[in-house]
Amino acid sequence: MPKKILKWLKILIPLLVLLLLIQWIYSTVVGTYNQLISMDESVKTAFSQVQVQYQRRADLIPNLVEVVKGYAKHEKDVLVGVTEARARVGQVNLNMGGGKGITPEAIQQFMEAQGALTEALSRLMVVVERYPELKADQRFAELQAQLEGTENRIAFARNQYNEAVQQFNTYLRRFPNNIIANFFDFQPYPYFEAEKGAEKAPTVKF
């Protein structure tokens, strides 16, 4: 083989290897980044469904309070407690679009507010037991069915969110994904932790 060809081969082969390496790195980075974006959006979508279901429950509270008030006007403290707990739920702001996103602290604040509302509803249900005519009210029966159905939806939505988080966090920790994720500032998402003594969101029973 002519020396001139050998000389060019010594130049071209390393250059070709370098180009292939650059292409592989580029493809890996772009592919991983796009996958992280897709999975990140899945987590956000799942969490938005959690918020929707909790909001559905909150939207039922005013009607519930009005129905109970019609039969139990003297239970002012309990009714006010439910109303105030619902208001605190509305004050919790979880920013999905900017900043640090869903943090463990934000999840904790969100769940504390929801837990306080659940406790207030439980106290209200104790009051309901004192009024048989209230329990027989058709409007109350309809609200009961809607609230119980909403609690089931909440539990399902939380499970879906946790599954999306598990997939995202696992992918995030794998090599070389973790390097790429760190470079683009992707952070793991927190889970919804089970309530003490429960494996799902508290169920409101009447």
C-alpha atoms as a PDB file:
ATOM      1  CA  MET A   1       0.000   0.000   0.000  1.00  0.00           C
ATOM      2  CA  PRO A   2       1.457   3.390  -0.993  1.00  0.00           C
ATOM      3  CA  LYS A   3       2.848   5.452   1.865  1.00  0.00           C
ATOM      4  CA  LYS A   4       0.620   8.365   0.919  1.00  0.00           C
ATOM      5  CA  ILE A   5      -2.517   6.264   1.436  1.00  0.00           C
ATOM      6  CA  LEU A   6      -1.209   4.964   4.755  1.00  0.00           C
ATOM      7  CA  LYS A   7      -0.552   8.509   5.833  1.00  0.00           C
ATOM      8  CA  TRP A   8      -4.124   9.536   5.021  1.00  0.00           C
ATOM      9  CA  LEU A   9      -5.539   6.468   6.735  1.00  0.00           C
ATOM     10  CA  LYS A  10      -3.674   7.361   9.910  1.00  0.00           C
ATOM     11  CA  ILE A  11      -5.397  10.750   9.795  1.00  0.00           C
ATOM     12  CA  LEU A  12      -8.868   9.661   8.654  1.00  0.00           C
ATOM     13  CA  ILE A  13      -9.386   6.650  10.945  1.00  0.00           C
ATOM     14  CA  PRO A  14      -8.913   8.597  14.232  1.00  0.00           C
ATOM     15  CA  LEU A  15     -11.017  11.405  12.767  1.00  0.00           C
ATOM     16  CA  LEU A  16     -13.762   8.958  11.824  1.00  0.00           C
ATOM     17  CA  VAL A  17     -13.676   7.380  15.301  1.00  0.00           C
ATOM     18  CA  LEU A  18     -13.884  10.857  16.848  1.00  0.00           C
ATOM     19  CA  LEU A  19     -16.843  11.793  14.657  1.00  0.00           C
ATOM     20  CA  LEU A  20     -18.635   8.544  15.548  1.00  0.00           C
ATOM     21  CA  LEU A  21     -17.969   9.176  19.232  1.00  0.00           C
ATOM     22  CA  ILE A  22     -19.338  12.712  18.975  1.00  0.00           C
ATOM     23  CA  GLN A  23     -22.420  11.420  17.156  1.00  0.00           C
ATOM     24  CA  TRP A  24     -22.984   8.779  19.855  1.00  0.00           C
ATOM     25  CA  ILE A  25     -22.638  11.341  22.648  1.00  0.00           C
ATOM     26  CA  TYR A  26     -24.977  13.730  20.867  1.00  0.00           C
ATOM     27  CA  SER A  27     -27.575  11.028  20.235  1.00  0.00           C
ATOM     28  CA  THR A  28     -27.346   9.837  23.848  1.00  0.00           C
ATOM     29  CA  VAL A  29     -27.701  13.336  25.287  1.00  0.00           C
ATOM     30  CA  VAL A  30     -30.574  14.312  23.000  1.00  0.00           C
ATOM     31  CA  GLY A  31     -32.385  10.995  23.473  1.00  0.00           C
ATOM     32  CA  THR A  32     -32.013  11.073  27.250  1.00  0.00           C
ATOM     33  CA  TYR A  33     -33.049  14.722  27.472  1.00  0.00           C
ATOM     34  CA  ASN A  34     -36.164  14.120  25.375  1.00  0.00           C
ATOM     35  CA  GLN A  35     -37.068  11.086  27.487  1.00  0.00           C
ATOM     36  CA  LEU A  36     -36.624  13.104  30.683  1.00  0.00           C
ATOM     37  CA  ILE A  37     -38.877  15.832  29.294  1.00  0.00           C
ATOM     38  CA  SER A  38     -41.538  13.275  28.363  1.00  0.00           C
ATOM     39  CA  MET A  39     -41.450  11.553  31.755  1.00  0.00           C
ATOM     40  CA  ASP A  40     -41.362  14.896  33.575  1.00  0.00           C
ATOM     41  CA  GLU A  41     -44.554  15.902  31.784  1.00  0.00           C
ATOM     42  CA  SER A  42     -46.130  12.572  32.744  1.00  0.00           C
ATOM     43  CA  VAL A  43     -45.428  13.293  36.414  1.00  0.00           C
ATOM     44  CA  LYS A  44     -46.899  16.779  36.134  1.00  0.00           C
ATOM     45  CA  THR A  45     -49.984  15.442  34.361  1.00  0.00           C
ATOM     46  CA  ALA A  46     -50.451  12.787  37.037  1.00  0.00           C
ATOM     47  CA  PHE A  47     -50.134  15.359  39.792  1.00  0.00           C
ATOM     48  CA  SER A  48     -52.616  17.658  38.094  1.00  0.00           C
ATOM     49  CA  GLN A  49     -55.109  14.791  38.249  1.00  0.00           C
ATOM     50  CA  VAL A  50     -54.490  14.520  42.004  1.00  0.00           C
ATOM     51  CA  GLN A  51     -55.241  18.218  42.325  1.00  0.00           C
ATOM     52  CA  VAL A  52     -58.372  17.872  40.196  1.00  0.00           C
ATOM     53  CA  GLN A  53     -59.769  15.151  42.438  1.00  0.00           C
ATOM     54  CA  TYR A  54     -58.990  17.022  45.631  1.00  0.00           C
ATOM     55  CA  GLN A  55     -60.568  20.113  44.104  1.00  0.00           C
ATOM     56  CA  ARG A  56     -63.642  18.042  43.247  1.00  0.00           C
ATOM     57  CA  ARG A  57     -63.922  17.179  46.935  1.00  0.00           C
ATOM     58  CA  ALA A  58     -63.451  20.801  47.982  1.00  0.00           C
ATOM     59  CA  ASP A  59     -66.169  21.892  45.553  1.00  0.00           C
ATOM     60  CA  LEU A  60     -68.653  19.575  47.263  1.00  0.00           C
ATOM     61  CA  ILE A  61     -68.036  21.072  50.718  1.00  0.00           C
ATOM     62  CA  PRO A  62     -70.203  24.244  50.411  1.00  0.00           C
ATOM     63  CA  ASN A  63     -73.249  22.213  49.373  1.00  0.00           C
ATOM     64  CA  LEU A  64     -72.602  19.728  52.164  1.00  0.00           C
ATOM     65  CA  VAL A  65     -72.346  22.513  54.744  1.00  0.00           C
ATOM     66  CA  GLU A  66     -75.567  24.103  53.502  1.00  0.00           C
ATOM     67  CA  VAL A  67     -77.495  20.837  53.715  1.00  0.00           C
ATOM     68  CA  VAL A  68     -76.212  20.090  57.211  1.00  0.00           C
ATOM     69  CA  LYS A  69     -76.864  23.664  58.313  1.00  0.00           C
ATOM     70  CA  GLY A  70     -80.515  23.250  57.421  1.00  0.00           C
ATOM     71  CA  TYR A  71     -80.881  20.499  60.037  1.00  0.00           C
ATOM     72  CA  ALA A  72     -78.098  21.334  62.510  1.00  0.00           C
ATOM     73  CA  LYS A  73     -78.016  25.108  62.841  1.00  0.00           C
ATOM     74  CA  HIS A  74     -76.683  24.881  66.381  1.00  0.00           C
ATOM     75  CA  GLU A  75     -73.510  23.042  65.288  1.00  0.00           C
ATOM     76  CA  LYS A  76     -71.873  26.315  64.302  1.00  0.00           C
ATOM     77  CA  ASP A  77     -68.345  25.473  65.478  1.00  0.00           C
ATOM     78  CA  VAL A  78     -68.195  22.277  63.439  1.00  0.00           C
ATOM     79  CA  LEU A  79     -69.593  23.939  60.325  1.00  0.00           C
ATOM     80  CA  VAL A  80     -67.157  26.840  60.630  1.00  0.00           C
ATOM     81  CA  GLY A  81     -64.304  24.353  61.104  1.00  0.00           C
ATOM     82  CA  VAL A  82     -65.125  22.620  57.833  1.00  0.00           C
ATOM     83  CA  THR A  83     -65.408  25.930  55.989  1.00  0.00           C
ATOM     84  CA  GLU A  84     -62.091  27.205  57.362  1.00  0.00           C
ATOM     85  CA  ALA A  85     -60.313  23.927  56.566  1.00  0.00           C
ATOM     86  CA  ARG A  86     -61.589  24.141  53.007  1.00  0.00           C
ATOM     87  CA  ALA A  87     -60.319  27.724  52.761  1.00  0.00           C
ATOM     88  CA  ARG A  88     -56.833  26.649  53.910  1.00  0.00           C
ATOM     89  CA  VAL A  89     -56.782  23.994  51.205  1.00  0.00           C
ATOM     90  CA  GLY A  90     -57.427  26.706  48.632  1.00  0.00           C
ATOM     91  CA  GLN A  91     -54.481  28.726  49.924  1.00  0.00           C
ATOM     92  CA  VAL A  92     -51.929  26.021  49.184  1.00  0.00           C
ATOM     93  CA  ASN A  93     -50.155  26.847  45.925  1.00  0.00           C
ATOM     94  CA  LEU A  94     -48.074  24.181  44.228  1.00  0.00           C
ATOM     95  CA  ASN A  95     -46.202  25.757  41.350  1.00  0.00           C
ATOM     96  CA  MET A  96     -45.695  23.213  38.567  1.00  0.00           C
ATOM     97  CA  GLY A  97     -44.411  25.649  35.991  1.00  0.00           C
ATOM     98  CA  GLY A  98     -41.395  27.284  37.575  1.00  0.00           C
ATOM     99  CA  GLY A  99     -39.000  27.473  40.481  1.00  0.00           C
ATOM    100  CA  LYS A 100     -38.237  24.149  42.083  1.00  0.00           C
ATOM    101  CA  GLY A 101     -41.539  22.565  41.104  1.00  0.00           C
ATOM    102  CA  ILE A 102     -43.036  19.926  43.375  1.00  0.00           C
ATOM    103  CA  THR A 103     -40.805  19.737  46.436  1.00  0.00           C
ATOM    104  CA  PRO A 104     -41.177  17.421  49.456  1.00  0.00           C
ATOM    105  CA  GLU A 105     -42.026  20.521  51.498  1.00  0.00           C
ATOM    106  CA  ALA A 106     -44.768  21.508  49.058  1.00  0.00           C
ATOM    107  CA  ILE A 107     -46.226  17.998  49.091  1.00  0.00           C
ATOM    108  CA  GLN A 108     -46.147  18.017  52.908  1.00  0.00           C
ATOM    109  CA  GLN A 109     -47.948  21.356  53.045  1.00  0.00           C
ATOM    110  CA  PHE A 110     -50.517  20.173  50.527  1.00  0.00           C
ATOM    111  CA  MET A 111     -51.218  16.941  52.417  1.00  0.00           C
ATOM    112  CA  GLU A 112     -51.405  18.685  55.792  1.00  0.00           C
ATOM    113  CA  ALA A 113     -54.110  20.989  54.453  1.00  0.00           C
ATOM    114  CA  GLN A 114     -55.995  18.077  52.913  1.00  0.00           C
ATOM    115  CA  GLY A 115     -55.634  16.064  56.123  1.00  0.00           C
ATOM    116  CA  ALA A 116     -57.063  18.947  58.169  1.00  0.00           C
ATOM    117  CA  LEU A 117     -60.064  19.051  55.835  1.00  0.00           C
ATOM    118  CA  THR A 118     -60.562  15.310  56.200  1.00  0.00           C
ATOM    119  CA  GLU A 119     -60.503  15.647  60.004  1.00  0.00           C
ATOM    120  CA  ALA A 120     -63.023  18.492  59.851  1.00  0.00           C
ATOM    121  CA  LEU A 121     -65.290  16.353  57.678  1.00  0.00           C
ATOM    122  CA  SER A 122     -64.968  13.494  60.160  1.00  0.00           C
ATOM    123  CA  ARG A 123     -66.120  15.771  62.981  1.00  0.00           C
ATOM    124  CA  LEU A 124     -69.015  16.877  60.818  1.00  0.00           C
ATOM    125  CA  MET A 125     -70.036  13.261  60.295  1.00  0.00           C
ATOM    126  CA  VAL A 126     -70.217  12.759  64.060  1.00  0.00           C
ATOM    127  CA  VAL A 127     -72.705  15.605  64.132  1.00  0.00           C
ATOM    128  CA  VAL A 128     -74.702  14.054  61.302  1.00  0.00           C
ATOM    129  CA  GLU A 129     -75.278  10.923  63.392  1.00  0.00           C
ATOM    130  CA  ARG A 130     -77.362  13.010  65.786  1.00  0.00           C
ATOM    131  CA  TYR A 131     -79.834  13.961  63.063  1.00  0.00           C
ATOM    132  CA  PRO A 132     -81.579  10.946  61.486  1.00  0.00           C
ATOM    133  CA  GLU A 133     -83.748  13.212  59.352  1.00  0.00           C
ATOM    134  CA  LEU A 134     -80.600  14.737  57.856  1.00  0.00           C
ATOM    135  CA  LYS A 135     -79.244  11.321  56.931  1.00  0.00           C
ATOM    136  CA  ALA A 136     -82.527  10.602  55.182  1.00  0.00           C
ATOM    137  CA  ASP A 137     -82.351  13.794  53.108  1.00  0.00           C
ATOM    138  CA  GLN A 138     -82.021  13.022  49.389  1.00  0.00           C
ATOM    139  CA  ARG A 139     -79.558  15.839  48.807  1.00  0.00           C
ATOM    140  CA  PHE A 140     -77.348  14.534  51.590  1.00  0.00           C
ATOM    141  CA  ALA A 141     -77.505  11.013  50.159  1.00  0.00           C
ATOM    142  CA  GLU A 142     -76.368  12.338  46.779  1.00  0.00           C
ATOM    143  CA  LEU A 143     -73.489  14.267  48.351  1.00  0.00           C
ATOM    144  CA  GLN A 144     -72.515  11.146  50.279  1.00  0.00           C
ATOM    145  CA  ALA A 145     -72.255   9.141  47.066  1.00  0.00           C
ATOM    146  CA  GLN A 146     -70.283  11.890  45.339  1.00  0.00           C
ATOM    147  CA  LEU A 147     -67.833  12.300  48.215  1.00  0.00           C
ATOM    148  CA  GLU A 148     -67.226   8.575  48.552  1.00  0.00           C
ATOM    149  CA  GLY A 149     -66.665   8.334  44.804  1.00  0.00           C
ATOM    150  CA  THR A 150     -64.272  11.276  44.952  1.00  0.00           C
ATOM    151  CA  GLU A 151     -62.245   9.644  47.735  1.00  0.00           C
ATOM    152  CA  ASN A 152     -61.794   6.589  45.510  1.00  0.00           C
ATOM    153  CA  ARG A 153     -60.678   8.830  42.641  1.00  0.00           C
ATOM    154  CA  ILE A 154     -58.223  10.589  44.941  1.00  0.00           C
ATOM    155  CA  ALA A 155     -56.661   7.283  45.987  1.00  0.00           C
ATOM    156  CA  PHE A 156     -56.394   6.177  42.349  1.00  0.00           C
ATOM    157  CA  ALA A 157     -54.889   9.496  41.230  1.00  0.00           C
ATOM    158  CA  ARG A 158     -52.305   9.394  44.021  1.00  0.00           C
ATOM    159  CA  ASN A 159     -51.277   5.879  43.003  1.00  0.00           C
ATOM    160  CA  GLN A 160     -50.944   6.976  39.384  1.00  0.00           C
ATOM    161  CA  TYR A 161     -48.782   9.910  40.435  1.00  0.00           C
ATOM    162  CA  ASN A 162     -46.529   7.686  42.558  1.00  0.00           C
ATOM    163  CA  GLU A 163     -46.104   5.262  39.653  1.00  0.00           C
ATOM    164  CA  ALA A 164     -45.109   8.115  37.315  1.00  0.00           C
ATOM    165  CA  VAL A 165     -42.663   9.409  39.937  1.00  0.00           C
ATOM    166  CA  GLN A 166     -41.127   5.961  40.395  1.00  0.00           C
ATOM    167  CA  GLN A 167     -40.501   5.629  36.657  1.00  0.00           C
ATOM    168  CA  PHE A 168     -39.051   9.137  36.412  1.00  0.00           C
ATOM    169  CA  ASN A 169     -36.835   8.864  39.500  1.00  0.00           C
ATOM    170  CA  THR A 170     -35.526   5.438  38.471  1.00  0.00           C
ATOM    171  CA  TYR A 171     -34.661   6.655  34.977  1.00  0.00           C
ATOM    172  CA  LEU A 172     -33.080   9.769  36.487  1.00  0.00           C
ATOM    173  CA  ARG A 173     -30.690   7.760  38.677  1.00  0.00           C
ATOM    174  CA  ARG A 174     -29.379   5.461  35.946  1.00  0.00           C
ATOM    175  CA  PHE A 175     -25.972   6.050  34.366  1.00  0.00           C
ATOM    176  CA  PRO A 176     -25.358   8.050  32.219  1.00  0.00           C
ATOM    177  CA  ASN A 177     -28.842   9.555  32.627  1.00  0.00           C
ATOM    178  CA  ASN A 178     -27.890  10.976  36.012  1.00  0.00           C
ATOM    179  CA  ILE A 179     -25.061  13.020  34.487  1.00  0.00           C
ATOM    180  CA  ILE A 180     -27.293  14.419  31.754  1.00  0.00           C
ATOM    181  CA  ALA A 181     -30.141  15.072  34.207  1.00  0.00           C
ATOM    182  CA  ASN A 182     -27.809  16.910  36.554  1.00  0.00           C
ATOM    183  CA  PHE A 183     -26.449  19.023  33.713  1.00  0.00           C
ATOM    184  CA  PHE A 184     -29.987  20.092  32.745  1.00  0.00           C
ATOM    185  CA  ASP A 185     -31.027  20.439  36.422  1.00  0.00           C
ATOM    186  CA  PHE A 186     -33.652  17.704  36.511  1.00  0.00           C
ATOM    187  CA  GLN A 187     -34.486  16.777  40.102  1.00  0.00           C
ATOM    188  CA  PRO A 188     -36.286  13.718  41.532  1.00  0.00           C
ATOM    189  CA  TYR A 189     -39.930  14.165  42.490  1.00  0.00           C
ATOM    190  CA  PRO A 190     -41.258  13.363  45.978  1.00  0.00           C
ATOM    191  CA  TYR A 191     -43.830  10.631  46.521  1.00  0.00           C
ATOM    192  CA  PHE A 192     -47.186  10.894  48.176  1.00  0.00           C
ATOM    193  CA  GLU A 193     -46.548   9.038  51.419  1.00  0.00           C
ATOM    194  CA  ALA A 194     -49.312   6.945  52.947  1.00  0.00           C
ATOM    195  CA  GLU A 195     -51.067   8.382  55.962  1.00  0.00           C
ATOM    196  CA  LYS A 196     -50.153   6.811  59.279  1.00  0.00           C
ATOM    197  CA  GLY A 197     -52.037   3.559  59.559  1.00  0.00           C
ATOM    198  CA  ALA A 198     -53.355   3.771  56.015  1.00  0.00           C
ATOM    199  CA  GLU A 199     -52.257   2.758  52.541  1.00  0.00           C
ATOM    200  CA  LYS A 200     -54.390   5.312  50.705  1.00  0.00           C
ATOM    201  CA  ALA A 201     -56.047   8.659  51.130  1.00  0.00           C
ATOM    202  CA  PRO A 202     -58.478   8.842  54.079  1.00  0.00           C
ATOM    203  CA  THR A 203     -62.001   7.791  53.159  1.00  0.00           C
ATOM    204  CA  VAL A 204     -64.920   9.925  54.271  1.00  0.00           C
ATOM    205  CA  LYS A 205     -67.630   7.599  55.501  1.00  0.00           C
ATOM    206  CA  PHE A 206     -71.129   8.649  56.441  1.00  0.00           C
END
